[in-house]
């Protein structure tokens, strides 16, 4: 799910919890609409972001 599309909603009734283990996005009247792990996969050679959230967490599992 693309996090930036939530900002296009134009709503002021949004809550974002940047937690240690998970990031939550809450919309008034809808509840939690995004719950993703606070994980970022970065390419060590280039410094580029390869993945975020669930996808990055899965990459971490594959490499341990």
N, C-alpha and C. Protein backbone atom coordinates (compact mmCIF):
# COMPACT_ATOMS: atom_id res chain seq x y z
N UNK A 1 0.85 -1.19 0.00
CA UNK A 1 0.00 0.00 0.00
C UNK A 1 0.89 1.24 0.00
N UNK A 2 0.60 2.18 -0.88
CA UNK A 2 1.41 3.37 -1.00
C UNK A 2 1.01 4.40 0.06
N UNK A 3 1.96 4.68 0.95
CA UNK A 3 1.72 5.59 2.08
C UNK A 3 1.36 7.00 1.62
N UNK A 4 1.99 7.49 0.55
CA UNK A 4 1.78 8.87 0.11
C UNK A 4 0.38 9.12 -0.42
N UNK A 5 -0.33 8.09 -0.88
CA UNK A 5 -1.68 8.32 -1.40
C UNK A 5 -2.64 8.77 -0.30
N UNK A 6 -2.33 8.48 0.96
CA UNK A 6 -3.19 8.91 2.05
C UNK A 6 -3.18 10.43 2.21
N UNK A 7 -2.07 11.07 1.87
CA UNK A 7 -2.00 12.52 1.98
C UNK A 7 -2.81 13.22 0.90
N UNK A 8 -3.12 12.53 -0.18
CA UNK A 8 -3.94 13.09 -1.25
C UNK A 8 -5.40 13.15 -0.86
N UNK A 9 -5.77 12.49 0.23
CA UNK A 9 -7.15 12.49 0.68
C UNK A 9 -7.60 13.88 1.14
N UNK A 10 -6.65 14.70 1.56
CA UNK A 10 -6.98 16.05 2.00
C UNK A 10 -7.65 16.08 3.36
N UNK A 11 -7.61 15.00 4.08
CA UNK A 11 -8.27 14.92 5.37
C UNK A 11 -7.38 15.45 6.49
N UNK A 12 -7.99 16.15 7.42
CA UNK A 12 -7.27 16.58 8.62
C UNK A 12 -7.51 15.60 9.75
N UNK A 13 -8.29 14.57 9.50
CA UNK A 13 -8.64 13.59 10.52
C UNK A 13 -7.79 12.33 10.36
N UNK A 14 -6.48 12.52 10.34
CA UNK A 14 -5.56 11.41 10.17
C UNK A 14 -4.59 11.39 11.35
N UNK A 15 -4.29 10.20 11.82
CA UNK A 15 -3.32 10.04 12.88
C UNK A 15 -2.22 9.10 12.42
N UNK A 16 -0.97 9.45 12.72
CA UNK A 16 0.15 8.61 12.34
C UNK A 16 0.96 8.30 13.59
N UNK A 17 1.13 7.03 13.86
CA UNK A 17 1.91 6.57 15.01
C UNK A 17 3.20 5.96 14.48
N UNK A 18 4.30 6.67 14.65
CA UNK A 18 5.59 6.18 14.20
C UNK A 18 6.22 5.38 15.34
N UNK A 19 5.72 4.20 15.54
CA UNK A 19 6.16 3.36 16.64
C UNK A 19 7.50 2.71 16.40
N UNK A 20 7.99 2.00 17.41
CA UNK A 20 9.28 1.33 17.32
C UNK A 20 9.21 0.13 16.40
N UNK A 21 8.18 -0.70 16.54
CA UNK A 21 8.07 -1.92 15.74
C UNK A 21 7.18 -1.75 14.52
N UNK A 22 6.13 -0.93 14.64
CA UNK A 22 5.16 -0.75 13.55
C UNK A 22 4.79 0.70 13.37
N UNK A 23 4.42 1.04 12.14
CA UNK A 23 3.86 2.34 11.81
C UNK A 23 2.37 2.14 11.59
N UNK A 24 1.56 2.95 12.26
CA UNK A 24 0.11 2.87 12.10
C UNK A 24 -0.41 4.17 11.51
N UNK A 25 -1.35 4.06 10.59
CA UNK A 25 -2.06 5.22 10.06
C UNK A 25 -3.53 5.00 10.35
N UNK A 26 -4.14 5.97 11.03
CA UNK A 26 -5.53 5.86 11.44
C UNK A 26 -6.33 7.00 10.83
N UNK A 27 -7.49 6.67 10.24
CA UNK A 27 -8.40 7.69 9.70
C UNK A 27 -9.66 7.72 10.55
N UNK A 28 -10.11 8.92 10.87
CA UNK A 28 -11.33 9.08 11.64
C UNK A 28 -12.49 8.42 10.90
N UNK A 29 -13.21 7.59 11.61
CA UNK A 29 -14.35 6.90 11.03
C UNK A 29 -14.02 5.59 10.33
N UNK A 30 -12.73 5.34 10.09
CA UNK A 30 -12.32 4.11 9.41
C UNK A 30 -11.41 3.25 10.26
N UNK A 31 -10.76 3.83 11.24
CA UNK A 31 -9.83 3.09 12.08
C UNK A 31 -8.46 2.95 11.43
N UNK A 32 -7.77 1.87 11.77
CA UNK A 32 -6.43 1.64 11.24
C UNK A 32 -6.54 1.25 9.77
N UNK A 33 -5.87 2.03 8.93
CA UNK A 33 -5.89 1.73 7.49
C UNK A 33 -4.53 1.26 6.99
N UNK A 34 -3.51 1.40 7.82
CA UNK A 34 -2.19 0.91 7.45
C UNK A 34 -1.46 0.48 8.71
N UNK A 35 -0.93 -0.72 8.70
CA UNK A 35 -0.11 -1.23 9.79
C UNK A 35 1.05 -1.96 9.16
N UNK A 36 2.21 -1.34 9.19
CA UNK A 36 3.41 -1.87 8.54
C UNK A 36 4.57 -1.90 9.53
N UNK A 37 5.44 -2.89 9.41
CA UNK A 37 6.64 -2.90 10.24
C UNK A 37 7.52 -1.68 9.93
N UNK A 38 8.20 -1.18 10.94
CA UNK A 38 9.11 -0.05 10.78
C UNK A 38 10.48 -0.58 10.34
N UNK A 39 10.54 -1.08 9.11
CA UNK A 39 11.76 -1.69 8.58
C UNK A 39 12.03 -1.10 7.20
N UNK A 40 13.31 -0.82 6.95
CA UNK A 40 13.73 -0.32 5.63
C UNK A 40 14.92 -1.16 5.18
N UNK A 41 14.87 -1.67 3.96
CA UNK A 41 16.00 -2.42 3.38
C UNK A 41 16.78 -1.47 2.48
N UNK A 42 18.08 -1.34 2.75
CA UNK A 42 18.94 -0.42 2.01
C UNK A 42 20.06 -1.20 1.34
N UNK A 43 20.31 -0.90 0.08
CA UNK A 43 21.42 -1.51 -0.65
C UNK A 43 22.72 -0.96 -0.07
N UNK A 44 23.56 -1.84 0.44
CA UNK A 44 24.81 -1.41 1.08
C UNK A 44 25.79 -0.77 0.12
N UNK A 45 25.77 -1.16 -1.14
CA UNK A 45 26.70 -0.61 -2.12
C UNK A 45 26.29 0.77 -2.60
N UNK A 46 24.99 0.95 -2.86
CA UNK A 46 24.52 2.20 -3.48
C UNK A 46 23.85 3.15 -2.49
N UNK A 47 23.37 2.60 -1.35
CA UNK A 47 22.64 3.43 -0.39
C UNK A 47 21.17 3.62 -0.77
N UNK A 48 20.75 3.00 -1.88
CA UNK A 48 19.36 3.12 -2.34
C UNK A 48 18.42 2.32 -1.44
N UNK A 49 17.21 2.84 -1.25
CA UNK A 49 16.18 2.10 -0.52
C UNK A 49 15.61 1.04 -1.46
N UNK A 50 15.66 -0.20 -1.00
CA UNK A 50 15.19 -1.32 -1.82
C UNK A 50 13.75 -1.69 -1.49
N UNK A 51 13.36 -1.57 -0.22
CA UNK A 51 12.01 -1.95 0.19
C UNK A 51 11.71 -1.34 1.55
N UNK A 52 10.41 -1.25 1.87
CA UNK A 52 9.99 -0.78 3.18
C UNK A 52 8.88 -1.69 3.70
N UNK A 53 8.61 -1.59 4.99
CA UNK A 53 7.48 -2.29 5.59
C UNK A 53 7.58 -3.80 5.51
N UNK A 54 6.46 -4.44 5.16
CA UNK A 54 6.39 -5.90 5.11
C UNK A 54 7.41 -6.50 4.14
N UNK A 55 7.58 -5.85 3.01
CA UNK A 55 8.52 -6.37 2.01
C UNK A 55 9.96 -6.38 2.56
N UNK A 56 10.34 -5.31 3.25
CA UNK A 56 11.68 -5.24 3.83
C UNK A 56 11.84 -6.25 4.98
N UNK A 57 10.79 -6.44 5.76
CA UNK A 57 10.85 -7.42 6.85
C UNK A 57 11.03 -8.83 6.31
N UNK A 58 10.36 -9.13 5.19
CA UNK A 58 10.49 -10.44 4.57
C UNK A 58 11.92 -10.63 4.05
N UNK A 59 12.51 -9.59 3.49
CA UNK A 59 13.89 -9.67 3.02
C UNK A 59 14.84 -9.96 4.18
N UNK A 60 14.58 -9.37 5.33
CA UNK A 60 15.40 -9.59 6.52
C UNK A 60 15.30 -11.06 6.96
N UNK A 61 14.10 -11.62 6.94
CA UNK A 61 13.91 -13.02 7.30
C UNK A 61 14.67 -13.96 6.36
N UNK A 62 14.66 -13.63 5.07
CA UNK A 62 15.33 -14.47 4.08
C UNK A 62 16.83 -14.49 4.24
N UNK A 63 17.39 -13.43 4.84
CA UNK A 63 18.85 -13.31 4.97
C UNK A 63 19.37 -13.62 6.37
N UNK A 64 18.56 -14.22 7.21
CA UNK A 64 19.05 -14.56 8.56
C UNK A 64 19.16 -16.05 8.72
